N, C-alpha and C. Protein backbone atom coordinates (compact mmCIF):
# COMPACT_ATOMS: atom_id res chain seq x y z
N MET A 1 117.30 158.72 116.71
CA MET A 1 116.65 160.01 116.76
C MET A 1 116.50 160.51 115.33
N ASN A 2 115.25 160.60 114.83
CA ASN A 2 115.00 160.99 113.47
C ASN A 2 114.22 162.28 113.43
N GLY A 3 114.24 162.94 112.30
CA GLY A 3 113.47 164.16 112.13
C GLY A 3 114.19 165.14 111.25
N SER A 4 113.54 166.25 110.96
CA SER A 4 114.15 167.27 110.12
C SER A 4 115.07 168.14 110.95
N ALA A 5 116.06 168.74 110.30
CA ALA A 5 117.04 169.57 111.00
C ALA A 5 116.56 171.01 111.02
N LYS A 6 116.67 171.64 112.18
CA LYS A 6 116.35 173.05 112.33
C LYS A 6 117.54 173.71 113.01
N ASN A 7 117.73 174.99 112.73
CA ASN A 7 118.87 175.65 113.36
C ASN A 7 118.57 177.11 113.64
N SER A 8 119.25 177.62 114.64
CA SER A 8 119.23 179.05 114.93
C SER A 8 120.66 179.47 115.19
N ALA A 9 121.01 180.67 114.81
CA ALA A 9 122.41 181.08 114.86
C ALA A 9 122.88 181.20 116.29
N ASP A 10 124.10 180.74 116.51
CA ASP A 10 124.79 180.94 117.77
C ASP A 10 125.85 182.00 117.51
N THR A 11 125.57 183.23 117.90
CA THR A 11 126.46 184.32 117.53
C THR A 11 127.80 184.25 118.21
N SER A 12 127.88 183.56 119.36
CA SER A 12 129.15 183.51 120.09
C SER A 12 130.12 182.52 119.48
N ARG A 13 129.61 181.48 118.85
CA ARG A 13 130.49 180.44 118.32
C ARG A 13 130.39 180.29 116.80
N GLY A 14 129.36 180.83 116.19
CA GLY A 14 129.18 180.61 114.77
C GLY A 14 128.69 179.23 114.47
N LEU A 15 128.16 178.52 115.47
CA LEU A 15 127.66 177.17 115.29
C LEU A 15 126.16 177.16 115.35
N PRO A 16 125.50 176.28 114.57
CA PRO A 16 124.06 176.16 114.68
C PRO A 16 123.69 175.39 115.93
N HIS A 17 122.53 175.72 116.48
CA HIS A 17 121.97 174.91 117.55
C HIS A 17 121.06 173.89 116.90
N ILE A 18 121.44 172.63 116.92
CA ILE A 18 120.65 171.60 116.27
C ILE A 18 119.55 171.14 117.21
N VAL A 19 118.31 171.41 116.83
CA VAL A 19 117.18 171.00 117.64
C VAL A 19 116.88 169.52 117.44
N ASN A 20 116.91 169.09 116.21
CA ASN A 20 116.60 167.69 115.90
C ASN A 20 117.29 167.35 114.59
N TRP A 21 117.96 166.21 114.52
CA TRP A 21 118.68 165.86 113.31
C TRP A 21 118.49 164.39 112.98
N ARG A 22 118.72 164.09 111.69
CA ARG A 22 118.61 162.72 111.24
C ARG A 22 119.98 162.06 111.35
N ILE A 23 120.05 160.92 111.98
CA ILE A 23 121.34 160.25 112.19
C ILE A 23 121.26 158.83 111.68
N ASN A 24 122.36 158.33 111.21
CA ASN A 24 122.45 156.97 110.69
C ASN A 24 123.40 156.17 111.56
N PRO A 25 122.93 155.22 112.37
CA PRO A 25 123.81 154.47 113.24
C PRO A 25 124.65 153.46 112.47
N LEU A 26 125.89 153.28 112.92
CA LEU A 26 126.72 152.19 112.43
C LEU A 26 126.49 151.00 113.35
N ILE A 27 126.15 149.86 112.76
CA ILE A 27 125.77 148.70 113.55
C ILE A 27 126.83 147.61 113.45
N ALA A 28 127.21 147.04 114.59
CA ALA A 28 128.12 145.89 114.63
C ALA A 28 127.60 144.92 115.67
N ASP A 29 127.38 143.67 115.23
CA ASP A 29 126.88 142.64 116.14
C ASP A 29 125.56 143.06 116.80
N GLY A 30 124.74 143.79 116.03
CA GLY A 30 123.45 144.18 116.55
C GLY A 30 123.47 145.33 117.52
N ARG A 31 124.64 145.95 117.73
CA ARG A 31 124.74 147.05 118.69
C ARG A 31 125.17 148.33 117.98
N MET A 32 124.64 149.44 118.43
CA MET A 32 124.99 150.73 117.86
C MET A 32 126.34 151.17 118.42
N THR A 33 127.28 151.48 117.54
CA THR A 33 128.62 151.82 117.99
C THR A 33 128.99 153.27 117.71
N ALA A 34 128.30 153.90 116.76
CA ALA A 34 128.60 155.29 116.43
C ALA A 34 127.43 155.86 115.65
N TYR A 35 127.33 157.19 115.65
CA TYR A 35 126.35 157.88 114.86
C TYR A 35 127.05 158.64 113.76
N THR A 36 126.54 158.57 112.54
CA THR A 36 127.02 159.40 111.45
C THR A 36 125.95 160.43 111.14
N ILE A 37 126.31 161.70 111.24
CA ILE A 37 125.35 162.78 111.10
C ILE A 37 125.76 163.66 109.93
N ASN A 38 124.89 163.80 108.96
CA ASN A 38 125.17 164.64 107.80
C ASN A 38 124.51 165.99 107.99
N LEU A 39 125.31 167.01 108.27
CA LEU A 39 124.80 168.36 108.48
C LEU A 39 125.03 169.26 107.26
N ASN A 40 125.48 168.67 106.16
CA ASN A 40 125.88 169.49 105.02
C ASN A 40 124.73 170.32 104.46
N ALA A 41 123.49 169.82 104.60
CA ALA A 41 122.34 170.58 104.10
C ALA A 41 122.01 171.76 105.01
N VAL A 42 122.54 171.72 106.25
CA VAL A 42 122.24 172.76 107.23
C VAL A 42 123.39 173.76 107.33
N ILE A 43 124.60 173.24 107.40
CA ILE A 43 125.77 174.09 107.56
C ILE A 43 127.00 173.35 107.07
N HIS A 44 127.90 174.08 106.43
CA HIS A 44 129.22 173.55 106.11
C HIS A 44 130.15 173.97 107.25
N MET A 45 130.43 173.04 108.13
CA MET A 45 131.18 173.35 109.33
C MET A 45 132.65 173.56 109.00
N THR A 46 133.17 174.71 109.40
CA THR A 46 134.58 175.00 109.18
C THR A 46 135.43 174.21 110.18
N ASP A 47 136.74 174.20 109.93
CA ASP A 47 137.64 173.52 110.86
C ASP A 47 137.58 174.14 112.24
N GLU A 48 137.49 175.46 112.30
CA GLU A 48 137.40 176.14 113.58
C GLU A 48 136.11 175.79 114.31
N GLN A 49 135.00 175.73 113.58
CA GLN A 49 133.72 175.37 114.19
C GLN A 49 133.75 173.93 114.71
N PHE A 50 134.36 173.03 113.93
CA PHE A 50 134.47 171.65 114.39
C PHE A 50 135.32 171.56 115.65
N TYR A 51 136.40 172.30 115.68
CA TYR A 51 137.26 172.33 116.87
C TYR A 51 136.48 172.83 118.08
N GLN A 52 135.71 173.90 117.91
CA GLN A 52 134.92 174.44 119.01
C GLN A 52 133.83 173.46 119.45
N LEU A 53 133.23 172.76 118.49
CA LEU A 53 132.23 171.75 118.83
C LEU A 53 132.83 170.68 119.74
N CYS A 54 134.02 170.22 119.41
CA CYS A 54 134.69 169.22 120.24
C CYS A 54 134.99 169.77 121.63
N ARG A 55 135.42 171.02 121.70
CA ARG A 55 135.73 171.62 123.00
C ARG A 55 134.47 171.81 123.85
N MET A 56 133.36 172.10 123.21
CA MET A 56 132.11 172.33 123.92
C MET A 56 131.47 171.04 124.42
N ASN A 57 131.94 169.91 123.89
CA ASN A 57 131.38 168.60 124.26
C ASN A 57 132.50 167.65 124.66
N PRO A 58 133.19 167.92 125.77
CA PRO A 58 134.37 167.12 126.12
C PRO A 58 134.07 165.67 126.47
N ASP A 59 132.81 165.36 126.77
CA ASP A 59 132.47 163.98 127.12
C ASP A 59 132.20 163.12 125.89
N LEU A 60 132.21 163.72 124.70
CA LEU A 60 131.97 162.99 123.47
C LEU A 60 133.23 162.98 122.62
N LYS A 61 133.33 161.98 121.77
CA LYS A 61 134.45 161.90 120.83
C LYS A 61 133.90 162.03 119.42
N PHE A 62 134.39 163.03 118.70
CA PHE A 62 133.93 163.30 117.35
C PHE A 62 135.02 163.02 116.33
N GLU A 63 134.60 162.57 115.16
CA GLU A 63 135.45 162.54 113.98
C GLU A 63 134.64 163.10 112.82
N ARG A 64 135.32 163.45 111.72
CA ARG A 64 134.65 163.82 110.48
C ARG A 64 135.27 163.04 109.34
N ASN A 65 134.43 162.54 108.43
CA ASN A 65 134.99 161.86 107.28
C ASN A 65 135.29 162.87 106.18
N ALA A 66 135.79 162.37 105.05
CA ALA A 66 136.29 163.26 104.01
C ALA A 66 135.20 164.10 103.35
N ILE A 67 133.93 163.68 103.45
CA ILE A 67 132.85 164.46 102.86
C ILE A 67 132.14 165.34 103.89
N GLY A 68 132.71 165.43 105.09
CA GLY A 68 132.21 166.36 106.08
C GLY A 68 131.16 165.82 107.01
N GLU A 69 130.82 164.54 106.92
CA GLU A 69 129.84 163.97 107.85
C GLU A 69 130.45 163.87 109.24
N LEU A 70 129.64 164.17 110.25
CA LEU A 70 130.08 164.14 111.64
C LEU A 70 129.86 162.74 112.20
N ILE A 71 130.88 162.18 112.85
CA ILE A 71 130.80 160.85 113.44
C ILE A 71 130.95 160.99 114.94
N VAL A 72 129.93 160.56 115.67
CA VAL A 72 129.94 160.61 117.13
C VAL A 72 130.27 159.21 117.62
N MET A 73 131.42 159.06 118.28
CA MET A 73 131.91 157.75 118.68
C MET A 73 131.38 157.36 120.05
N SER A 74 131.18 156.07 120.24
CA SER A 74 130.73 155.57 121.54
C SER A 74 131.92 155.48 122.50
N PRO A 75 131.68 155.54 123.82
CA PRO A 75 132.78 155.40 124.77
C PRO A 75 133.42 154.02 124.70
N THR A 76 134.67 153.95 125.13
CA THR A 76 135.39 152.69 125.17
C THR A 76 135.01 151.90 126.41
N GLY A 77 134.84 150.59 126.27
CA GLY A 77 134.54 149.74 127.42
C GLY A 77 135.76 149.52 128.30
N GLY A 78 135.54 148.90 129.45
CA GLY A 78 136.59 148.74 130.44
C GLY A 78 137.79 147.94 129.96
N GLU A 79 137.53 146.77 129.36
CA GLU A 79 138.64 145.92 128.93
C GLU A 79 139.48 146.61 127.85
N THR A 80 138.81 147.19 126.87
CA THR A 80 139.54 147.88 125.79
C THR A 80 140.28 149.09 126.33
N GLY A 81 139.64 149.84 127.23
CA GLY A 81 140.30 151.00 127.82
C GLY A 81 141.54 150.61 128.59
N ASN A 82 141.47 149.50 129.32
CA ASN A 82 142.63 149.01 130.06
C ASN A 82 143.77 148.62 129.12
N ARG A 83 143.44 147.91 128.04
CA ARG A 83 144.48 147.52 127.08
C ARG A 83 145.08 148.76 126.41
N ASN A 84 144.24 149.73 126.12
CA ASN A 84 144.75 150.96 125.49
C ASN A 84 145.81 151.63 126.35
N ILE A 85 145.54 151.75 127.65
CA ILE A 85 146.49 152.45 128.51
C ILE A 85 147.75 151.63 128.73
N GLU A 86 147.62 150.30 128.79
CA GLU A 86 148.79 149.44 128.94
C GLU A 86 149.70 149.54 127.71
N VAL A 87 149.07 149.50 126.53
CA VAL A 87 149.85 149.62 125.30
C VAL A 87 150.49 151.00 125.19
N ALA A 88 149.73 152.03 125.53
CA ALA A 88 150.25 153.39 125.47
C ALA A 88 151.46 153.56 126.38
N GLY A 89 151.45 152.88 127.52
CA GLY A 89 152.59 152.96 128.44
C GLY A 89 153.88 152.52 127.80
N ASP A 90 153.83 151.44 127.01
CA ASP A 90 155.03 150.96 126.32
C ASP A 90 155.52 152.00 125.30
N PHE A 91 154.59 152.63 124.60
CA PHE A 91 154.97 153.66 123.64
C PHE A 91 155.61 154.86 124.35
N VAL A 92 155.05 155.25 125.47
CA VAL A 92 155.59 156.40 126.21
C VAL A 92 157.02 156.12 126.65
N LEU A 93 157.26 154.94 127.21
CA LEU A 93 158.61 154.60 127.67
C LEU A 93 159.60 154.62 126.51
N TRP A 94 159.21 154.04 125.38
CA TRP A 94 160.10 154.04 124.22
C TRP A 94 160.37 155.45 123.74
N ASN A 95 159.31 156.27 123.65
CA ASN A 95 159.45 157.61 123.08
C ASN A 95 160.30 158.52 123.96
N ARG A 96 160.22 158.34 125.26
CA ARG A 96 161.03 159.16 126.16
C ARG A 96 162.51 158.85 125.99
N GLN A 97 162.81 157.60 125.68
CA GLN A 97 164.21 157.23 125.48
C GLN A 97 164.70 157.58 124.07
N ALA A 98 163.85 157.31 123.06
CA ALA A 98 164.27 157.53 121.68
C ALA A 98 164.33 159.01 121.32
N LYS A 99 163.36 159.79 121.85
CA LYS A 99 163.30 161.23 121.58
C LYS A 99 163.32 161.54 120.08
N LEU A 100 162.51 160.80 119.35
CA LEU A 100 162.47 160.96 117.89
C LEU A 100 161.21 161.65 117.39
N GLY A 101 160.23 161.84 118.28
CA GLY A 101 158.98 162.43 117.82
C GLY A 101 158.02 162.67 118.97
N LYS A 102 156.76 162.93 118.59
CA LYS A 102 155.70 163.23 119.54
C LYS A 102 154.65 162.12 119.50
N LEU A 103 154.18 161.76 120.70
CA LEU A 103 153.20 160.69 120.86
C LEU A 103 151.87 161.30 121.27
N PHE A 104 150.76 160.73 120.78
CA PHE A 104 149.44 161.29 121.04
C PHE A 104 148.45 160.18 121.37
N ASP A 105 147.49 160.49 122.28
CA ASP A 105 146.47 159.51 122.64
C ASP A 105 145.22 159.73 121.81
N SER A 106 144.16 158.98 122.15
CA SER A 106 142.95 158.96 121.32
C SER A 106 142.12 160.23 121.41
N SER A 107 142.45 161.14 122.31
CA SER A 107 141.72 162.39 122.41
C SER A 107 142.23 163.43 121.42
N THR A 108 143.30 163.11 120.67
CA THR A 108 143.89 164.05 119.72
C THR A 108 143.30 163.86 118.34
N GLY A 109 142.85 164.95 117.75
CA GLY A 109 142.35 164.90 116.38
C GLY A 109 143.42 165.35 115.40
N PHE A 110 143.45 164.72 114.23
CA PHE A 110 144.37 165.09 113.15
C PHE A 110 143.56 165.44 111.91
N LYS A 111 143.91 166.55 111.30
CA LYS A 111 143.29 166.96 110.05
C LYS A 111 144.08 166.34 108.90
N LEU A 112 143.50 165.32 108.27
CA LEU A 112 144.20 164.60 107.21
C LEU A 112 144.17 165.40 105.91
N PRO A 113 145.09 165.12 104.98
CA PRO A 113 145.11 165.84 103.71
C PRO A 113 143.81 165.77 102.92
N ASN A 114 143.03 164.68 103.07
CA ASN A 114 141.77 164.56 102.34
C ASN A 114 140.62 165.33 102.98
N GLY A 115 140.89 166.02 104.10
CA GLY A 115 139.87 166.81 104.77
C GLY A 115 139.22 166.14 105.95
N ALA A 116 139.46 164.84 106.16
CA ALA A 116 138.88 164.13 107.29
C ALA A 116 139.58 164.53 108.59
N ASP A 117 138.83 164.45 109.69
CA ASP A 117 139.39 164.65 111.03
C ASP A 117 139.31 163.31 111.76
N ARG A 118 140.47 162.75 112.10
CA ARG A 118 140.50 161.41 112.69
C ARG A 118 141.28 161.42 114.00
N SER A 119 140.91 160.49 114.89
CA SER A 119 141.54 160.37 116.21
C SER A 119 141.94 158.92 116.46
N PRO A 120 143.14 158.52 116.03
CA PRO A 120 143.58 157.14 116.28
C PRO A 120 143.73 156.88 117.77
N ASP A 121 143.69 155.60 118.16
CA ASP A 121 143.88 155.25 119.57
C ASP A 121 145.27 155.68 120.04
N ILE A 122 146.27 155.49 119.19
CA ILE A 122 147.63 155.96 119.45
C ILE A 122 148.18 156.49 118.14
N ALA A 123 148.88 157.61 118.21
CA ALA A 123 149.50 158.18 117.01
C ALA A 123 150.88 158.71 117.37
N TRP A 124 151.75 158.72 116.38
CA TRP A 124 153.12 159.22 116.58
C TRP A 124 153.52 160.02 115.36
N VAL A 125 154.16 161.18 115.61
CA VAL A 125 154.62 162.07 114.54
C VAL A 125 156.11 162.33 114.71
N ARG A 126 156.85 162.18 113.62
CA ARG A 126 158.29 162.43 113.65
C ARG A 126 158.57 163.87 114.06
N GLN A 127 159.63 164.08 114.83
CA GLN A 127 159.90 165.37 115.44
C GLN A 127 160.03 166.50 114.43
N ASP A 128 160.73 166.28 113.32
CA ASP A 128 160.92 167.36 112.35
C ASP A 128 159.62 167.78 111.69
N ARG A 129 158.70 166.84 111.53
CA ARG A 129 157.39 167.18 110.95
C ARG A 129 156.57 167.98 111.96
N TRP A 130 156.67 167.61 113.23
CA TRP A 130 155.97 168.35 114.27
C TRP A 130 156.54 169.76 114.40
N ASP A 131 157.86 169.89 114.35
CA ASP A 131 158.50 171.19 114.48
C ASP A 131 158.15 172.12 113.32
N ALA A 132 157.77 171.56 112.17
CA ALA A 132 157.43 172.37 111.01
C ALA A 132 156.07 173.06 111.14
N LEU A 133 155.25 172.63 112.11
CA LEU A 133 153.95 173.25 112.34
C LEU A 133 154.12 174.54 113.14
N ASN A 134 153.23 175.49 112.90
CA ASN A 134 153.28 176.72 113.69
C ASN A 134 152.54 176.50 115.02
N PRO A 135 152.69 177.41 115.98
CA PRO A 135 152.07 177.20 117.30
C PRO A 135 150.56 176.99 117.25
N ASN A 136 149.86 177.70 116.37
CA ASN A 136 148.41 177.54 116.29
C ASN A 136 148.04 176.16 115.76
N GLN A 137 148.79 175.65 114.77
CA GLN A 137 148.52 174.33 114.22
C GLN A 137 148.74 173.23 115.26
N LYS A 138 149.71 173.45 116.14
CA LYS A 138 149.97 172.48 117.20
C LYS A 138 148.87 172.51 118.26
N GLU A 139 148.28 173.68 118.48
CA GLU A 139 147.29 173.84 119.54
C GLU A 139 145.95 173.25 119.15
N ILE A 140 145.56 173.34 117.87
CA ILE A 140 144.29 172.79 117.43
C ILE A 140 144.52 171.37 116.91
N PHE A 141 143.76 170.94 115.91
CA PHE A 141 143.96 169.61 115.35
C PHE A 141 145.08 169.69 114.32
N PRO A 142 146.23 169.07 114.58
CA PRO A 142 147.37 169.20 113.67
C PRO A 142 147.00 168.81 112.24
N PRO A 143 147.32 169.67 111.27
CA PRO A 143 146.97 169.40 109.88
C PRO A 143 148.00 168.51 109.19
N LEU A 144 148.03 167.26 109.58
CA LEU A 144 148.94 166.30 108.97
C LEU A 144 148.48 164.88 109.28
N ALA A 145 149.00 163.95 108.52
CA ALA A 145 148.78 162.53 108.81
C ALA A 145 149.94 162.05 109.68
N PRO A 146 149.66 161.39 110.80
CA PRO A 146 150.77 160.88 111.63
C PRO A 146 151.65 159.91 110.84
N ASP A 147 152.86 159.71 111.32
CA ASP A 147 153.73 158.70 110.72
C ASP A 147 153.29 157.29 111.11
N PHE A 148 152.72 157.16 112.31
CA PHE A 148 152.27 155.86 112.81
C PHE A 148 150.92 156.02 113.49
N VAL A 149 150.03 155.03 113.28
CA VAL A 149 148.75 154.99 113.99
C VAL A 149 148.47 153.57 114.45
N LEU A 150 147.73 153.47 115.55
CA LEU A 150 147.27 152.19 116.06
C LEU A 150 145.79 152.30 116.38
N GLU A 151 145.02 151.32 115.93
CA GLU A 151 143.61 151.20 116.29
C GLU A 151 143.41 149.85 116.96
N LEU A 152 142.88 149.88 118.18
CA LEU A 152 142.61 148.66 118.94
C LEU A 152 141.11 148.43 118.94
N MET A 153 140.67 147.35 118.32
CA MET A 153 139.24 147.08 118.21
C MET A 153 138.63 146.77 119.57
N SER A 154 137.45 147.33 119.80
CA SER A 154 136.64 146.94 120.95
C SER A 154 135.59 145.94 120.46
N PRO A 155 134.94 145.19 121.36
CA PRO A 155 133.99 144.16 120.92
C PRO A 155 132.86 144.69 120.05
N SER A 156 132.50 145.95 120.20
CA SER A 156 131.38 146.49 119.43
C SER A 156 131.80 147.20 118.15
N ASP A 157 133.12 147.28 117.90
CA ASP A 157 133.59 147.95 116.69
C ASP A 157 133.28 147.12 115.44
N SER A 158 133.06 147.80 114.35
CA SER A 158 132.88 147.16 113.06
C SER A 158 134.24 147.00 112.39
N LEU A 159 134.61 145.76 112.05
CA LEU A 159 135.90 145.52 111.42
C LEU A 159 135.99 146.24 110.08
N SER A 160 134.95 146.18 109.28
CA SER A 160 135.00 146.82 107.97
C SER A 160 135.17 148.33 108.08
N THR A 161 134.53 148.93 109.09
CA THR A 161 134.67 150.37 109.29
C THR A 161 136.09 150.74 109.67
N LEU A 162 136.70 149.95 110.57
CA LEU A 162 138.08 150.22 110.97
C LEU A 162 139.05 149.94 109.83
N GLN A 163 138.78 148.92 109.03
CA GLN A 163 139.65 148.65 107.88
C GLN A 163 139.60 149.81 106.89
N ALA A 164 138.42 150.37 106.68
CA ALA A 164 138.31 151.53 105.79
C ALA A 164 139.06 152.72 106.35
N LYS A 165 139.02 152.89 107.68
CA LYS A 165 139.75 153.98 108.31
C LYS A 165 141.26 153.76 108.16
N MET A 166 141.72 152.54 108.34
CA MET A 166 143.14 152.25 108.18
C MET A 166 143.59 152.51 106.75
N GLN A 167 142.74 152.14 105.78
CA GLN A 167 143.08 152.42 104.38
C GLN A 167 143.15 153.91 104.12
N GLU A 168 142.26 154.65 104.76
CA GLU A 168 142.28 156.11 104.64
C GLU A 168 143.58 156.67 105.21
N TYR A 169 143.99 156.17 106.36
CA TYR A 169 145.28 156.60 106.92
C TYR A 169 146.40 156.36 105.92
N GLN A 170 146.43 155.16 105.37
CA GLN A 170 147.49 154.80 104.43
C GLN A 170 147.47 155.70 103.20
N ASP A 171 146.27 155.93 102.66
CA ASP A 171 146.13 156.77 101.47
C ASP A 171 146.56 158.21 101.73
N ASN A 172 146.51 158.64 102.98
CA ASN A 172 146.86 160.02 103.32
C ASN A 172 148.29 160.18 103.81
N GLY A 173 149.08 159.09 103.75
CA GLY A 173 150.49 159.22 104.03
C GLY A 173 150.99 158.63 105.33
N VAL A 174 150.12 157.97 106.09
CA VAL A 174 150.60 157.27 107.29
C VAL A 174 151.53 156.15 106.87
N ARG A 175 152.72 156.13 107.42
CA ARG A 175 153.75 155.19 106.97
C ARG A 175 153.58 153.80 107.53
N LEU A 176 153.03 153.69 108.75
CA LEU A 176 152.85 152.39 109.38
C LEU A 176 151.60 152.44 110.26
N GLY A 177 150.74 151.44 110.11
CA GLY A 177 149.53 151.38 110.92
C GLY A 177 149.24 149.97 111.38
N TRP A 178 148.77 149.85 112.61
CA TRP A 178 148.40 148.55 113.17
C TRP A 178 146.92 148.55 113.53
N LEU A 179 146.20 147.58 113.03
CA LEU A 179 144.82 147.34 113.43
C LEU A 179 144.80 146.04 114.21
N ILE A 180 144.50 146.12 115.49
CA ILE A 180 144.60 144.97 116.39
C ILE A 180 143.20 144.53 116.83
N ASP A 181 142.90 143.27 116.58
CA ASP A 181 141.63 142.67 117.00
C ASP A 181 141.91 141.69 118.14
N ARG A 182 141.60 142.09 119.36
CA ARG A 182 141.88 141.23 120.52
C ARG A 182 141.06 139.94 120.49
N LYS A 183 139.84 140.03 120.01
CA LYS A 183 138.94 138.89 120.04
C LYS A 183 139.48 137.72 119.22
N THR A 184 140.01 138.02 118.03
CA THR A 184 140.52 136.97 117.15
C THR A 184 142.04 136.83 117.22
N ARG A 185 142.69 137.70 117.99
CA ARG A 185 144.15 137.74 118.08
C ARG A 185 144.76 137.90 116.68
N ARG A 186 144.20 138.83 115.96
CA ARG A 186 144.60 139.08 114.57
C ARG A 186 145.07 140.53 114.45
N VAL A 187 146.17 140.70 113.71
CA VAL A 187 146.72 142.04 113.49
C VAL A 187 146.86 142.29 112.00
N GLU A 188 146.38 143.44 111.56
CA GLU A 188 146.59 143.87 110.19
C GLU A 188 147.61 145.01 110.20
N ILE A 189 148.63 144.87 109.37
CA ILE A 189 149.70 145.87 109.31
C ILE A 189 149.60 146.60 107.97
N TYR A 190 149.48 147.91 108.07
CA TYR A 190 149.34 148.77 106.89
C TYR A 190 150.63 149.56 106.72
N ARG A 191 151.26 149.38 105.56
CA ARG A 191 152.49 150.11 105.23
C ARG A 191 152.24 150.89 103.95
N ILE A 192 152.73 152.10 103.91
CA ILE A 192 152.49 152.95 102.76
C ILE A 192 153.06 152.33 101.49
N GLY A 193 152.24 152.24 100.46
CA GLY A 193 152.67 151.69 99.18
C GLY A 193 152.74 150.18 99.12
N GLN A 194 152.25 149.50 100.16
CA GLN A 194 152.31 148.04 100.19
C GLN A 194 150.94 147.43 100.50
N SER A 195 150.81 146.13 100.20
CA SER A 195 149.59 145.42 100.53
C SER A 195 149.52 145.20 102.04
N VAL A 196 148.31 145.01 102.54
CA VAL A 196 148.12 144.78 103.97
C VAL A 196 148.66 143.40 104.35
N GLU A 197 149.42 143.37 105.43
CA GLU A 197 149.93 142.10 105.95
C GLU A 197 149.07 141.69 107.15
N VAL A 198 148.67 140.42 107.19
CA VAL A 198 147.84 139.91 108.28
C VAL A 198 148.65 138.92 109.11
N LEU A 199 148.70 139.14 110.42
CA LEU A 199 149.39 138.25 111.34
C LEU A 199 148.37 137.60 112.26
N GLU A 200 148.50 136.30 112.45
CA GLU A 200 147.62 135.56 113.35
C GLU A 200 148.34 135.28 114.66
N ASN A 201 147.81 135.83 115.74
CA ASN A 201 148.32 135.59 117.09
C ASN A 201 149.84 135.83 117.22
N PRO A 202 150.31 137.00 116.80
CA PRO A 202 151.76 137.26 116.91
C PRO A 202 152.17 137.46 118.37
N ASP A 203 153.42 137.13 118.67
CA ASP A 203 153.96 137.34 120.02
C ASP A 203 154.37 138.78 120.23
N GLU A 204 154.77 139.45 119.15
CA GLU A 204 155.23 140.83 119.26
C GLU A 204 155.08 141.52 117.91
N LEU A 205 155.08 142.85 117.96
CA LEU A 205 155.04 143.66 116.75
C LEU A 205 156.23 144.60 116.75
N SER A 206 156.85 144.77 115.59
CA SER A 206 158.01 145.63 115.47
C SER A 206 157.62 146.98 114.89
N GLY A 207 158.21 148.04 115.44
CA GLY A 207 157.99 149.37 114.90
C GLY A 207 158.74 149.63 113.61
N GLU A 208 159.55 148.69 113.20
CA GLU A 208 160.28 148.75 111.93
C GLU A 208 161.08 150.05 111.83
N ALA A 209 161.22 150.58 110.61
CA ALA A 209 162.02 151.79 110.43
C ALA A 209 161.28 153.04 110.88
N VAL A 210 159.97 152.95 111.03
CA VAL A 210 159.18 154.11 111.44
C VAL A 210 159.37 154.41 112.92
N LEU A 211 159.35 153.36 113.74
CA LEU A 211 159.58 153.47 115.18
C LEU A 211 160.80 152.63 115.53
N PRO A 212 161.99 153.09 115.20
CA PRO A 212 163.19 152.25 115.34
C PRO A 212 163.44 151.81 116.78
N GLY A 213 163.60 150.50 116.95
CA GLY A 213 163.88 149.94 118.26
C GLY A 213 162.66 149.62 119.09
N PHE A 214 161.46 150.00 118.61
CA PHE A 214 160.26 149.73 119.39
C PHE A 214 159.71 148.34 119.08
N VAL A 215 159.39 147.59 120.13
CA VAL A 215 158.76 146.28 120.00
C VAL A 215 157.63 146.22 121.01
N LEU A 216 156.44 145.89 120.54
CA LEU A 216 155.28 145.75 121.43
C LEU A 216 155.05 144.27 121.71
N GLY A 217 155.23 143.86 122.96
CA GLY A 217 154.89 142.50 123.37
C GLY A 217 153.38 142.35 123.44
N MET A 218 152.83 141.37 122.74
CA MET A 218 151.38 141.27 122.62
C MET A 218 150.69 140.64 123.83
N ALA A 219 151.46 140.17 124.80
CA ALA A 219 150.86 139.57 126.00
C ALA A 219 149.98 140.58 126.74
N ILE A 220 150.37 141.86 126.73
CA ILE A 220 149.57 142.86 127.42
C ILE A 220 148.31 143.23 126.64
N VAL A 221 148.27 142.85 125.36
CA VAL A 221 147.10 143.14 124.52
C VAL A 221 146.08 142.01 124.61
N TRP A 222 146.58 140.78 124.48
CA TRP A 222 145.65 139.66 124.47
C TRP A 222 145.04 139.43 125.85
């Protein structure tokens, strides 16, 4: 969808009504996987406006990069969605027993220190860091980088795009991150202050010191 951007004020929300906008698709394997929309020439969207935009469009998943571009994500396919929920189940069971922090699914947005708004497939925040937020910060997009993030690639995802996102997580203070590619059975492990470690077809992944005692058996992923 191409064209010039036009807007009229929405007095109830403070958001522009976009009649027509120019979008740049991200392409992987010949398929469109996301739209990147630059609205900076039309409006500088505040954090509150972005939050309201997400609430007004519950069927869509939005992110924002560090320069304020809006990213509209495509829905997850059946196989990837099934693996996501199976993996999340293991995290939930561990977290209920460990009681060391808060666990979040892919519908949760985090406001990173660099200004980006990101929604990992799975995220975990240490309890004391969560408790340090005020009630309003907990209710909207928490203004912090999670301690742990997981991104599970779907067949249409761009590896380079997800690798850049994982690097962004690391640069913003995420202590441990897993990028899992089911198709190649390859895992990239991102640790703060360290080089990326690549594992080929691992049997399990350890939560290390970040998620003490947690082990993810990869049979449910592959």
